[in-house]
Amino acid sequence: ISPFQVYIIQVSVGNHQWTVKHRYSDFHDLHEKLVSEKKIDKNLLPPKKIIGKNSKSLVEKRQKELEVYLQTLLLKFPVTAPKVLSHFLHFHLYVS
């Protein structure tokens, strides 16, 4: 068992589709920046869990919660995503 979980995210923009991989700590770092720079609700990110963090059911639940988190962020910024979010989702590599 890996000491940390990597979440795989499918991103689709127009005809472009790609995958990005991030640990929960990456989501946390993104969230901290968005809270301070864009005044995002600090409670939007699913909480960090310590006990049983690598159990299959918790990983699947958190995966869904993180997907909802990202979808919510993209709805908040329908025209232009903040630079930190665009970088997190690798827009710079796939969308011109």
Protein backbone atom coordinates (compact mmCIF):
# COMPACT_ATOMS: atom_id res chain seq x y z
CA ILE A 1 0.00 0.00 0.00
CA SER A 2 1.27 3.43 -0.95
CA PRO A 3 1.73 5.90 1.92
CA PHE A 4 -0.44 8.38 -0.02
CA GLN A 5 -3.30 8.28 -2.49
CA VAL A 6 -3.11 9.79 -5.97
CA TYR A 7 -6.39 10.92 -7.49
CA ILE A 8 -6.80 10.69 -11.25
CA ILE A 9 -8.91 13.44 -12.78
CA GLN A 10 -10.36 13.40 -16.29
CA VAL A 11 -10.51 16.92 -17.72
CA SER A 12 -12.57 17.82 -20.81
CA VAL A 13 -12.61 21.17 -22.57
CA GLY A 14 -14.29 21.31 -25.96
CA ASN A 15 -12.76 18.52 -28.07
CA HIS A 16 -9.77 18.18 -25.75
CA GLN A 17 -9.63 15.54 -23.04
CA TRP A 18 -6.75 14.64 -20.73
CA THR A 19 -5.89 13.19 -17.33
CA VAL A 20 -4.16 14.86 -14.39
CA LYS A 21 -2.99 13.19 -11.19
CA HIS A 22 -2.84 14.88 -7.81
CA ARG A 23 -2.50 13.97 -4.15
CA TYR A 24 -4.92 15.38 -1.61
CA SER A 25 -2.16 17.73 -0.44
CA ASP A 26 -2.11 19.26 -3.95
CA PHE A 27 -5.84 19.95 -3.68
CA HIS A 28 -5.26 21.47 -0.25
CA ASP A 29 -2.52 23.76 -1.59
CA LEU A 30 -4.75 24.81 -4.49
CA HIS A 31 -7.61 25.49 -2.10
CA GLU A 32 -5.48 27.61 0.23
CA LYS A 33 -4.41 29.80 -2.70
CA LEU A 34 -7.98 30.16 -3.98
CA VAL A 35 -9.30 31.02 -0.51
CA SER A 36 -6.71 33.79 -0.11
CA GLU A 37 -6.68 35.10 -3.71
CA LYS A 38 -10.27 34.57 -4.87
CA LYS A 39 -12.19 34.41 -1.57
CA ILE A 40 -13.47 30.87 -2.23
CA ASP A 41 -15.47 29.37 0.65
CA LYS A 42 -12.90 27.74 2.93
CA ASN A 43 -15.32 24.88 3.66
CA LEU A 44 -15.68 23.92 -0.01
CA LEU A 45 -12.80 21.43 0.02
CA PRO A 46 -13.67 18.02 1.54
CA PRO A 47 -11.90 17.66 4.90
CA LYS A 48 -8.67 15.77 5.37
CA LYS A 49 -9.15 12.36 6.93
CA ILE A 50 -6.44 10.58 8.89
CA ILE A 51 -7.92 7.26 10.05
CA GLY A 52 -8.45 4.73 7.27
CA LYS A 53 -7.35 7.23 4.65
CA ASN A 54 -6.32 4.50 2.21
CA SER A 55 -9.41 2.30 2.61
CA LYS A 56 -11.07 1.63 -0.75
CA SER A 57 -14.44 3.06 0.30
CA LEU A 58 -12.89 6.27 1.66
CA VAL A 59 -10.74 6.72 -1.45
CA GLU A 60 -13.79 6.31 -3.71
CA LYS A 61 -15.85 8.70 -1.58
CA ARG A 62 -13.09 11.30 -1.55
CA GLN A 63 -12.60 10.91 -5.33
CA LYS A 64 -16.26 11.83 -5.86
CA GLU A 65 -16.03 14.73 -3.39
CA LEU A 66 -12.94 16.10 -5.12
CA GLU A 67 -14.68 15.85 -8.51
CA VAL A 68 -17.60 17.87 -7.12
CA TYR A 69 -15.10 20.35 -5.65
CA LEU A 70 -13.43 20.91 -9.05
CA GLN A 71 -16.77 21.14 -10.88
CA THR A 72 -17.94 23.72 -8.34
CA LEU A 73 -14.78 25.77 -8.86
CA LEU A 74 -15.21 25.71 -12.63
CA LEU A 75 -18.82 26.85 -12.26
CA LYS A 76 -17.63 29.79 -10.13
CA PHE A 77 -15.25 30.86 -12.91
CA PRO A 78 -17.22 30.15 -16.13
CA VAL A 79 -15.24 32.46 -18.41
CA THR A 80 -11.66 32.32 -17.19
CA ALA A 81 -10.35 30.02 -14.48
CA PRO A 82 -7.82 31.56 -12.07
CA LYS A 83 -4.23 30.92 -13.12
CA VAL A 84 -3.59 28.60 -10.15
CA LEU A 85 -6.63 26.45 -11.08
CA SER A 86 -5.72 26.41 -14.79
CA HIS A 87 -2.21 25.26 -13.90
CA PHE A 88 -3.57 22.59 -11.52
CA LEU A 89 -5.72 21.19 -14.33
CA HIS A 90 -2.87 21.52 -16.90
CA PHE A 91 -4.90 23.77 -19.21
CA HIS A 92 -1.62 25.33 -20.39
CA LEU A 93 -0.55 21.99 -21.88
CA TYR A 94 -3.72 21.16 -23.76
CA VAL A 95 -5.82 24.23 -24.53
CA SER A 96 -4.50 27.02 -26.72
